[in-house]
Amino acid sequence: GYDDAVQGEFVRPYLDAEGKLPGRIAALLVESADGLVLIDAGNGRFAPELDVGHVHDELETLGVHPWDIRCVIITHGHADHVGGLVGPRDEPAFPDARHVIHRLEAEFWSSAEAEGLPNGAGLPAQTALTALLDAELLDTVEGGAHVATGVEAIEAPGHTPGHLAIVVNDAVLWAGDTFVSQLNVPHPEWVSLSDMDGRTNEATRRRLLERAAAAGLRLAASHMPVSGTVARTGDGYELRPSELS
């Protein structure tokens, strides 16, 4: 959510019938020439009570089995992105997949600082990273890495220290949690309460918005209920929604 600065007439058109800002917990499945690439894995067993973020159920609906996935990209270590990486016995949920995470992200979630986060917030990431390391399924990358054919991981720090955004086929920019909602497009300066470094994330948003606008990329994100192209305006940017398939 946002702090008290995000109030007033501007926000109201974005609210649903209950006066809430719509959201979601989404992952992205990419058909690469190298095989299926999954970007993030949802909550998994760490939040079974939620009615969103159940990526394994969605994959099953598509007829995709866990062993069909060849690469999993972890945008960052929050529970709603890494919880589905492990099964009920802490085993890797995608046993035949190479898993990719930014080096700084892996270092943070493996640190004493992450272990000391309130409410056990570091446990899902630590559980997943341990399982993947033990199974020799985890690779760390820096920004600008081409992790599969047509799939580029780019540095997007701020929400977390080593957050990644993904460009797919020079057509789609998957921003993870860099944008918590479409409100961040016209207002990249609005800080989410879940951002670990709000000012750094603001700079990251502006950089990604400029890249999307310049290259005609479709912007999509984990919690944004809509996606679309980004257009420059006189004093910033606007999102022009369209369907993402």
Foldseek 3Di string as FASTA:
>chain_A
DFDPVPDDDVCQVQADPVRHRAWAFDWDWDQFPVFIEIEFQFQAPVCVVDPGLHRCVVCVVVVHALQRHAEYEQQAQFNGGQNRQAHPVLAGRNLNYAYEFAPVRLVVLCDPVLCPDPPRRSVSSVSNVVNCVVSVRYDHDAAQDDPGVQKGWHAQAFLHHGGTWIGGNLAAIEREVLPLEQVCQQPLQGADPSTPHSVSSSVSSQVVLVSQQVSVHWYDYRIYPFIAGWHADPVGIHGDTDDDD
